């Protein structure tokens, strides 16, 4: 972070005015604790903070919206890939994110309410390249290239997020113990819920299966700010942006055993939800399209089982424990274990070609997934 502060103003790269004092680290080492905002490494911004007395302050600011505050926009006419993902069709930045907070700092702890407004700006509708290949020519007046200006684009929409955060100090469990917790809700601003110190993840997780004939099981979780449809199949359909809803909660209990040893129990729960129109657009990639007589069919559908159902909603739950040893001041050794569970909503199975090291054209069962990780860290502060 590099910034200048003068008379209540902050200019440069610093934490967003939307952020909590602990960012994405209520008690954890991992930078992948989801459930809320994280600009711990800084974002380009301008801020003004006013002090009202008795520990009450307010901050308003403008954040650069591209680097940290976006996930993706899906144009479903471009097709879904074999692991449920979509190409990102965000347009250029037309407006900064407008952010702010009201904060109370007292001996008992901290309480903060934050808000953010984020412009969701899509690129052009485009034409489906699979359809153009089948027809041998573009639709009248539309070039063969996908994403032309002549196809138009959905209207931009303002989305945003709100967050409430609380820190409770002076716990009876021990000196220096505290609880930190924050809860978030967003619409069209999913980065403020499914957030890390870098990019927001989408999920494609694999494990074993008990389904006869299946190679493995898979769980999908596609993270986006919005969904729209361009020319889907053979019919030039055009929908407006369908903003994605997300909400989450995360927190930690931090305990000091003695001056040298401490532990934190932390966790989070996050959810991503698509409205009915977005679900139709996303799930159309998994259904058979019937072409008109004498007209070539559209994109080849993914072969699915009879009990297949498509639902792109998903939840992510995390719980972890970290223990630290500080033998001398400013030197800390720590060990952390983290469990994550992906609660995906697809059912049945499908023949997929996930890419990478996964074999192509195999049957994969849709199933919830989990993962357990362990890391150690040595930290020296100067």
Protein backbone atom coordinates (compact mmCIF):
# COMPACT_ATOMS: atom_id res chain seq x y z
CA UNK A 1 0.00 0.00 0.00
CA UNK A 2 1.16 3.52 -0.86
CA UNK A 3 -1.02 6.47 0.09
CA UNK A 4 -1.02 10.06 1.35
CA UNK A 5 -3.21 11.30 4.22
CA UNK A 6 -4.03 14.96 4.88
CA UNK A 7 -6.84 16.65 6.86
CA UNK A 8 -9.06 13.56 6.79
CA UNK A 9 -8.38 12.74 3.13
CA UNK A 10 -6.61 9.60 1.86
CA UNK A 11 -5.21 9.40 -1.69
CA UNK A 12 -3.50 6.38 -3.23
CA UNK A 13 -3.61 2.63 -2.75
CA UNK A 14 -5.10 1.67 0.62
CA UNK A 15 -7.84 -0.40 2.22
CA UNK A 16 -11.33 0.36 0.93
CA UNK A 17 -13.66 2.42 3.13
CA UNK A 18 -15.97 -0.59 2.85
CA UNK A 19 -13.48 -2.90 4.61
CA UNK A 20 -13.48 -4.04 8.23
CA UNK A 21 -10.34 -3.39 10.32
CA UNK A 22 -9.46 -7.09 10.02
CA UNK A 23 -10.32 -7.44 6.29
CA UNK A 24 -10.56 -11.17 5.50
CA UNK A 25 -8.57 -12.20 8.58
CA UNK A 26 -10.73 -12.32 11.73
CA UNK A 27 -8.35 -14.97 13.11
CA UNK A 28 -7.04 -17.04 10.20
CA UNK A 29 -3.78 -17.31 8.27
CA UNK A 30 -5.35 -18.51 5.01
CA UNK A 31 -6.17 -15.85 2.41
CA UNK A 32 -9.11 -17.98 1.20
CA UNK A 33 -11.64 -17.43 3.99
CA UNK A 34 -14.79 -16.50 2.07
CA UNK A 35 -17.93 -14.75 3.26
CA UNK A 36 -17.01 -11.07 3.02
CA UNK A 37 -14.88 -8.27 1.61
CA UNK A 38 -11.06 -8.31 1.46
CA UNK A 39 -8.81 -5.49 0.20
CA UNK A 40 -5.94 -6.20 2.57
CA UNK A 41 -3.36 -5.51 -0.14
CA UNK A 42 -4.98 -2.19 -1.03
CA UNK A 43 -7.09 -0.73 -3.84
CA UNK A 44 -6.68 2.57 -5.70
CA UNK A 45 -9.04 5.03 -4.04
CA UNK A 46 -9.87 8.47 -2.70
CA UNK A 47 -11.41 8.72 0.78
CA UNK A 48 -12.52 11.25 3.34
CA UNK A 49 -12.97 10.38 7.04
CA UNK A 50 -14.85 12.57 9.52
CA UNK A 51 -14.46 12.15 13.29
CA UNK A 52 -17.69 12.86 15.19
CA UNK A 53 -16.31 12.30 18.71
CA UNK A 54 -16.79 9.55 21.32
CA UNK A 55 -15.18 7.03 18.96
CA UNK A 56 -17.71 7.57 16.16
CA UNK A 57 -16.43 8.17 12.63
CA UNK A 58 -17.66 8.07 9.05
CA UNK A 59 -15.78 7.48 5.81
CA UNK A 60 -16.84 7.89 2.20
CA UNK A 61 -14.71 6.99 -0.78
CA UNK A 62 -14.35 6.13 -4.45
CA UNK A 63 -12.64 2.81 -5.29
CA UNK A 64 -11.26 1.64 -8.62
CA UNK A 65 -13.86 -0.95 -9.61
CA UNK A 66 -11.87 -3.20 -11.95
CA UNK A 67 -9.03 -4.71 -9.97
CA UNK A 68 -10.76 -5.95 -6.80
CA UNK A 69 -14.49 -5.35 -7.06
CA UNK A 70 -15.51 -7.56 -10.01
CA UNK A 71 -16.07 -11.26 -10.52
CA UNK A 72 -17.53 -11.95 -14.00
CA UNK A 73 -20.52 -11.39 -16.29
CA UNK A 74 -21.75 -14.37 -18.31
CA UNK A 75 -23.21 -14.12 -21.82
CA UNK A 76 -24.74 -17.57 -22.12
CA UNK A 77 -24.81 -17.38 -25.93
CA UNK A 78 -21.07 -18.02 -25.76
CA UNK A 79 -21.77 -21.45 -24.28
CA UNK A 80 -20.93 -23.09 -20.98
CA UNK A 81 -17.73 -25.08 -20.73
CA UNK A 82 -17.53 -28.63 -19.43
CA UNK A 83 -16.99 -27.53 -15.86
CA UNK A 84 -19.89 -25.10 -15.69
CA UNK A 85 -17.89 -21.93 -16.35
CA UNK A 86 -18.55 -18.98 -18.64
CA UNK A 87 -16.34 -16.51 -20.48
CA UNK A 88 -16.18 -13.14 -18.71
CA UNK A 89 -17.82 -10.36 -20.75
CA UNK A 90 -17.46 -7.38 -18.42
CA UNK A 91 -17.13 -4.10 -20.30
CA UNK A 92 -14.81 -1.26 -19.43
CA UNK A 93 -15.09 0.72 -16.23
CA UNK A 94 -17.58 3.59 -16.55
CA UNK A 95 -17.83 4.60 -12.90
CA UNK A 96 -15.86 3.98 -9.71
CA UNK A 97 -17.34 2.05 -6.82
CA UNK A 98 -18.93 4.36 -4.26
CA UNK A 99 -18.17 3.08 -0.74
CA UNK A 100 -18.51 4.20 2.83
CA UNK A 101 -18.90 3.22 6.47
CA UNK A 102 -20.08 4.40 9.87
CA UNK A 103 -17.85 3.06 12.66
CA UNK A 104 -17.90 3.04 16.45
CA UNK A 105 -14.65 2.35 18.35
CA UNK A 106 -15.02 1.79 22.10
CA UNK A 107 -13.17 -0.03 24.88
CA UNK A 108 -15.59 -2.95 24.49
CA UNK A 109 -14.84 -3.32 20.78
CA UNK A 110 -15.82 -2.10 17.32
CA UNK A 111 -19.10 -1.90 15.41
CA UNK A 112 -19.26 -0.93 11.75
CA UNK A 113 -21.87 -0.66 8.99
CA UNK A 114 -20.53 -0.49 5.42
CA UNK A 115 -22.13 0.06 2.02
CA UNK A 116 -20.96 -0.12 -1.58
CA UNK A 117 -22.49 0.76 -4.97
CA UNK A 118 -21.00 -1.02 -8.00
CA UNK A 119 -21.84 -0.47 -11.69
CA UNK A 120 -22.26 -3.77 -13.55
CA UNK A 121 -21.32 -2.89 -17.13
CA UNK A 122 -21.62 -5.65 -19.78
CA UNK A 123 -20.01 -5.96 -23.20
CA UNK A 124 -21.92 -6.71 -26.42
CA UNK A 125 -24.43 -9.46 -27.08
CA UNK A 126 -22.48 -10.99 -29.97
CA UNK A 127 -23.50 -13.95 -32.08
CA UNK A 128 -23.02 -17.57 -31.27
CA UNK A 129 -19.99 -18.84 -33.24
CA UNK A 130 -21.40 -22.39 -33.26
CA UNK A 131 -24.55 -21.15 -34.99
CA UNK A 132 -22.56 -19.14 -37.54
CA UNK A 133 -20.50 -22.21 -38.38
CA UNK A 134 -23.63 -24.29 -38.91
CA UNK A 135 -25.37 -21.68 -41.09
CA UNK A 136 -22.31 -20.63 -43.05
CA UNK A 137 -23.21 -16.95 -42.72
CA UNK A 138 -24.11 -14.47 -40.00
CA UNK A 139 -27.53 -13.15 -39.15
CA UNK A 140 -28.56 -10.24 -41.43
CA UNK A 141 -26.61 -7.10 -40.59
CA UNK A 142 -24.47 -8.81 -37.91
CA UNK A 143 -20.80 -9.60 -38.61
CA UNK A 144 -19.50 -13.10 -38.06
CA UNK A 145 -17.30 -11.99 -35.17
CA UNK A 146 -18.75 -12.45 -31.71
CA UNK A 147 -19.15 -9.30 -29.65
CA UNK A 148 -19.66 -6.74 -32.42
CA UNK A 149 -20.96 -3.27 -31.57
CA UNK A 150 -23.78 -3.84 -34.08
CA UNK A 151 -25.32 -6.49 -31.83
CA UNK A 152 -25.95 -3.99 -29.04
CA UNK A 153 -25.62 -4.75 -25.35
CA UNK A 154 -27.74 -5.00 -22.22
CA UNK A 155 -28.22 -1.90 -20.12
CA UNK A 156 -25.72 -1.44 -17.32
CA UNK A 157 -27.15 -1.81 -13.84
CA UNK A 158 -26.07 -0.58 -10.44
CA UNK A 159 -25.52 -3.32 -7.90
CA UNK A 160 -23.96 -3.15 -4.48
CA UNK A 161 -23.40 -4.65 -1.08
CA UNK A 162 -23.91 -4.00 2.62
CA UNK A 163 -21.96 -5.38 5.56
CA UNK A 164 -22.29 -5.30 9.35
CA UNK A 165 -19.18 -6.05 11.44
CA UNK A 166 -18.63 -6.50 15.17
CA UNK A 167 -15.58 -7.03 17.39
CA UNK A 168 -16.08 -7.85 21.08
CA UNK A 169 -13.08 -7.36 23.38
CA UNK A 170 -12.43 -7.95 27.11
CA UNK A 171 -13.85 -11.46 27.11
CA UNK A 172 -13.84 -13.39 30.40
CA UNK A 173 -11.89 -16.21 28.71
CA UNK A 174 -8.58 -14.35 29.00
CA UNK A 175 -6.60 -11.17 28.47
CA UNK A 176 -6.54 -10.10 24.83
CA UNK A 177 -9.22 -12.59 23.76
CA UNK A 178 -11.81 -11.33 21.29
CA UNK A 179 -14.55 -12.30 18.84
CA UNK A 180 -14.70 -10.83 15.34
CA UNK A 181 -17.65 -11.40 13.02
CA UNK A 182 -19.06 -9.80 9.88
CA UNK A 183 -22.12 -10.51 7.73
CA UNK A 184 -22.57 -9.43 4.10
CA UNK A 185 -25.27 -9.24 1.44
CA UNK A 186 -24.70 -8.31 -2.20
CA UNK A 187 -26.54 -8.04 -5.48
CA UNK A 188 -24.40 -7.67 -8.59
CA UNK A 189 -21.31 -7.28 -6.38
CA UNK A 190 -20.39 -10.86 -5.50
CA UNK A 191 -16.73 -9.97 -4.89
CA UNK A 192 -17.85 -8.56 -1.53
CA UNK A 193 -18.96 -12.06 -0.46
CA UNK A 194 -16.95 -14.64 -2.45
CA UNK A 195 -13.68 -12.82 -1.90
CA UNK A 196 -10.01 -13.52 -1.36
CA UNK A 197 -7.03 -11.16 -1.34
CA UNK A 198 -6.77 -11.88 -5.08
CA UNK A 199 -9.45 -13.12 -7.52
CA UNK A 200 -12.81 -14.58 -6.57
CA UNK A 201 -12.89 -18.34 -7.16
CA UNK A 202 -15.33 -20.44 -9.13
CA UNK A 203 -15.40 -24.10 -8.12
CA UNK A 204 -14.84 -27.36 -9.97
CA UNK A 205 -14.03 -30.01 -7.37
CA UNK A 206 -13.69 -33.76 -7.90
CA UNK A 207 -13.76 -36.90 -5.75
CA UNK A 208 -14.81 -40.55 -5.86
CA UNK A 209 -18.24 -41.87 -6.78
CA UNK A 210 -20.49 -44.80 -5.98
CA UNK A 211 -22.47 -44.43 -9.20
CA UNK A 212 -22.14 -47.46 -11.46
CA UNK A 213 -20.31 -46.59 -14.68
CA UNK A 214 -19.18 -43.17 -13.50
CA UNK A 215 -15.53 -42.19 -13.57
CA UNK A 216 -15.66 -39.67 -10.69
CA UNK A 217 -17.96 -37.17 -9.03
CA UNK A 218 -17.83 -33.41 -9.56
CA UNK A 219 -19.20 -30.29 -7.90
CA UNK A 220 -19.59 -26.94 -9.67
CA UNK A 221 -19.93 -23.43 -8.29
CA UNK A 222 -19.90 -20.60 -10.83
CA UNK A 223 -19.23 -17.15 -9.34
CA UNK A 224 -20.59 -14.11 -11.21
CA UNK A 225 -21.98 -10.60 -10.83
CA UNK A 226 -24.62 -11.04 -13.54
CA UNK A 227 -25.90 -13.23 -16.39
CA UNK A 228 -27.47 -12.31 -19.73
CA UNK A 229 -28.30 -14.01 -23.03
CA UNK A 230 -27.42 -12.86 -26.51
CA UNK A 231 -28.21 -14.96 -29.56
CA UNK A 232 -28.94 -18.26 -27.87
CA UNK A 233 -29.21 -21.24 -30.21
CA UNK A 234 -30.67 -20.25 -33.60
CA UNK A 235 -33.02 -17.56 -32.30
CA UNK A 236 -31.69 -14.03 -31.71
CA UNK A 237 -32.86 -13.55 -28.15
CA UNK A 238 -31.68 -10.63 -26.04
CA UNK A 239 -32.14 -10.40 -22.27
CA UNK A 240 -31.19 -7.71 -19.82
CA UNK A 241 -28.69 -8.26 -17.01
CA UNK A 242 -29.83 -10.66 -14.31
CA UNK A 243 -27.89 -9.61 -11.22
CA UNK A 244 -26.48 -12.38 -9.01
CA UNK A 245 -27.31 -12.41 -5.30
CA UNK A 246 -24.82 -13.54 -2.66
CA UNK A 247 -24.63 -13.47 1.12
CA UNK A 248 -22.19 -14.67 3.72
CA UNK A 249 -20.99 -14.61 7.31
CA UNK A 250 -17.53 -15.24 8.74
CA UNK A 251 -15.79 -14.81 12.05
CA UNK A 252 -13.35 -16.09 14.64
CA UNK A 253 -12.84 -16.59 18.37
CA UNK A 254 -9.26 -15.69 19.33
CA UNK A 255 -7.80 -16.99 22.61
CA UNK A 256 -4.42 -16.40 24.29
CA UNK A 257 -3.28 -19.40 26.34
CA UNK A 258 -0.32 -17.48 27.76
CA UNK A 259 2.09 -14.78 26.50
CA UNK A 260 3.64 -17.25 24.03
CA UNK A 261 0.77 -19.41 22.74
CA UNK A 262 -2.54 -18.48 21.12
CA UNK A 263 -5.25 -20.15 19.04
CA UNK A 264 -8.12 -19.07 16.80
CA UNK A 265 -11.22 -21.01 15.82
CA UNK A 266 -12.64 -19.48 12.62
CA UNK A 267 -15.19 -20.23 9.94
CA UNK A 268 -17.53 -18.91 7.27
CA UNK A 269 -20.69 -19.68 5.31
CA UNK A 270 -21.40 -18.22 1.86
CA UNK A 271 -24.20 -18.62 -0.67
CA UNK A 272 -24.63 -17.64 -4.33
CA UNK A 273 -28.13 -17.43 -5.81
CA UNK A 274 -29.37 -16.97 -9.41
CA UNK A 275 -32.87 -15.74 -10.25
CA UNK A 276 -35.25 -17.78 -12.45
CA UNK A 277 -34.27 -16.06 -15.69
CA UNK A 278 -30.54 -16.53 -15.03
CA UNK A 279 -31.14 -20.21 -14.26
CA UNK A 280 -32.98 -20.70 -17.56
CA UNK A 281 -30.12 -19.05 -19.45
CA UNK A 282 -27.39 -21.02 -17.69
CA UNK A 283 -29.23 -24.33 -17.74
CA UNK A 284 -30.20 -24.06 -21.43
CA UNK A 285 -26.68 -25.28 -22.18
CA UNK A 286 -27.62 -28.66 -20.70
CA UNK A 287 -30.84 -29.23 -22.68
CA UNK A 288 -31.48 -30.45 -26.22
CA UNK A 289 -32.41 -27.73 -28.71
CA UNK A 290 -34.88 -28.69 -31.44
CA UNK A 291 -34.01 -26.95 -34.71
CA UNK A 292 -36.61 -25.91 -37.26
CA UNK A 293 -37.07 -28.27 -40.26
CA UNK A 294 -34.20 -27.97 -42.69
CA UNK A 295 -32.12 -25.80 -40.36
CA UNK A 296 -28.88 -26.97 -38.81
CA UNK A 297 -29.01 -27.56 -35.04
CA UNK A 298 -27.36 -25.30 -32.50
CA UNK A 299 -24.54 -26.21 -30.11
CA UNK A 300 -24.27 -29.86 -29.18
CA UNK A 301 -25.85 -30.40 -25.74
CA UNK A 302 -24.06 -32.16 -22.92
CA UNK A 303 -25.31 -35.76 -22.57
CA UNK A 304 -27.06 -36.04 -19.20
CA UNK A 305 -28.72 -38.80 -17.20
CA UNK A 306 -32.48 -39.23 -16.88
CA UNK A 307 -32.38 -37.94 -13.29
CA UNK A 308 -30.30 -34.88 -14.20
CA UNK A 309 -31.42 -31.48 -12.91
CA UNK A 310 -29.64 -28.15 -13.32
CA UNK A 311 -29.38 -25.56 -10.57
CA UNK A 312 -26.34 -23.22 -10.55
CA UNK A 313 -26.95 -22.08 -6.94
CA UNK A 314 -24.29 -23.17 -4.46
CA UNK A 315 -23.13 -22.77 -0.85
CA UNK A 316 -19.63 -22.91 0.64
CA UNK A 317 -18.95 -23.68 4.31
CA UNK A 318 -15.51 -23.44 5.96
CA UNK A 319 -14.15 -24.13 9.42
CA UNK A 320 -10.57 -23.95 10.61
CA UNK A 321 -8.23 -23.84 13.58
CA UNK A 322 -4.85 -22.13 13.87
CA UNK A 323 -2.37 -22.29 16.78
CA UNK A 324 0.56 -19.88 17.10
CA UNK A 325 3.78 -19.90 19.08
CA UNK A 326 5.62 -16.59 19.59
CA UNK A 327 8.90 -17.42 21.37
CA UNK A 328 10.22 -13.85 21.02
CA UNK A 329 8.60 -10.61 20.01
CA UNK A 330 7.80 -10.26 16.28
CA UNK A 331 8.58 -13.92 15.49
CA UNK A 332 5.62 -16.31 15.20
CA UNK A 333 5.34 -19.93 14.12
CA UNK A 334 1.85 -21.19 13.32
CA UNK A 335 0.01 -24.28 12.09
CA UNK A 336 -3.45 -24.12 10.54
CA UNK A 337 -6.00 -26.70 9.40
CA UNK A 338 -8.95 -25.74 7.16
CA UNK A 339 -11.99 -27.78 6.05
CA UNK A 340 -14.15 -26.59 3.14
CA UNK A 341 -17.44 -28.04 1.88
CA UNK A 342 -19.06 -27.19 -1.46
CA UNK A 343 -22.83 -27.69 -1.37
CA UNK A 344 -23.73 -27.75 -5.08
CA UNK A 345 -27.28 -28.13 -6.41
CA UNK A 346 -26.92 -30.20 -9.60
CA UNK A 347 -28.26 -33.78 -9.51
CA UNK A 348 -27.74 -36.85 -11.68
CA UNK A 349 -24.74 -37.27 -13.96
CA UNK A 350 -23.38 -36.16 -17.33
CA UNK A 351 -20.74 -37.06 -19.89
CA UNK A 352 -18.11 -34.32 -19.54
CA UNK A 353 -14.69 -33.42 -20.87
CA UNK A 354 -13.30 -31.28 -18.04
CA UNK A 355 -9.87 -30.71 -19.58
CA UNK A 356 -6.57 -30.63 -17.76
CA UNK A 357 -5.57 -34.06 -16.51
CA UNK A 358 -9.16 -35.31 -16.37
CA UNK A 359 -10.12 -37.85 -19.06
CA UNK A 360 -12.53 -36.66 -21.74
CA UNK A 361 -16.00 -38.03 -22.53
CA UNK A 362 -16.45 -39.76 -19.18
CA UNK A 363 -19.50 -40.00 -16.94
CA UNK A 364 -19.24 -37.71 -13.90
CA UNK A 365 -21.71 -37.80 -11.04
CA UNK A 366 -22.85 -34.43 -9.64
CA UNK A 367 -22.13 -34.46 -5.92
CA UNK A 368 -21.21 -32.18 -3.01
CA UNK A 369 -17.45 -31.94 -2.49
CA UNK A 370 -15.09 -31.25 0.41
CA UNK A 371 -11.42 -30.62 0.99
CA UNK A 372 -9.05 -30.56 3.98
CA UNK A 373 -5.84 -28.53 3.95
CA UNK A 374 -2.98 -27.97 6.38
CA UNK A 375 -0.31 -25.31 6.33
CA UNK A 376 2.52 -24.06 8.54
CA UNK A 377 3.99 -20.57 8.57
CA UNK A 378 6.97 -18.74 10.07
CA UNK A 379 6.46 -14.98 10.26
CA UNK A 380 9.04 -12.34 11.14
CA UNK A 381 7.89 -8.75 11.56
CA UNK A 382 10.34 -5.87 11.24
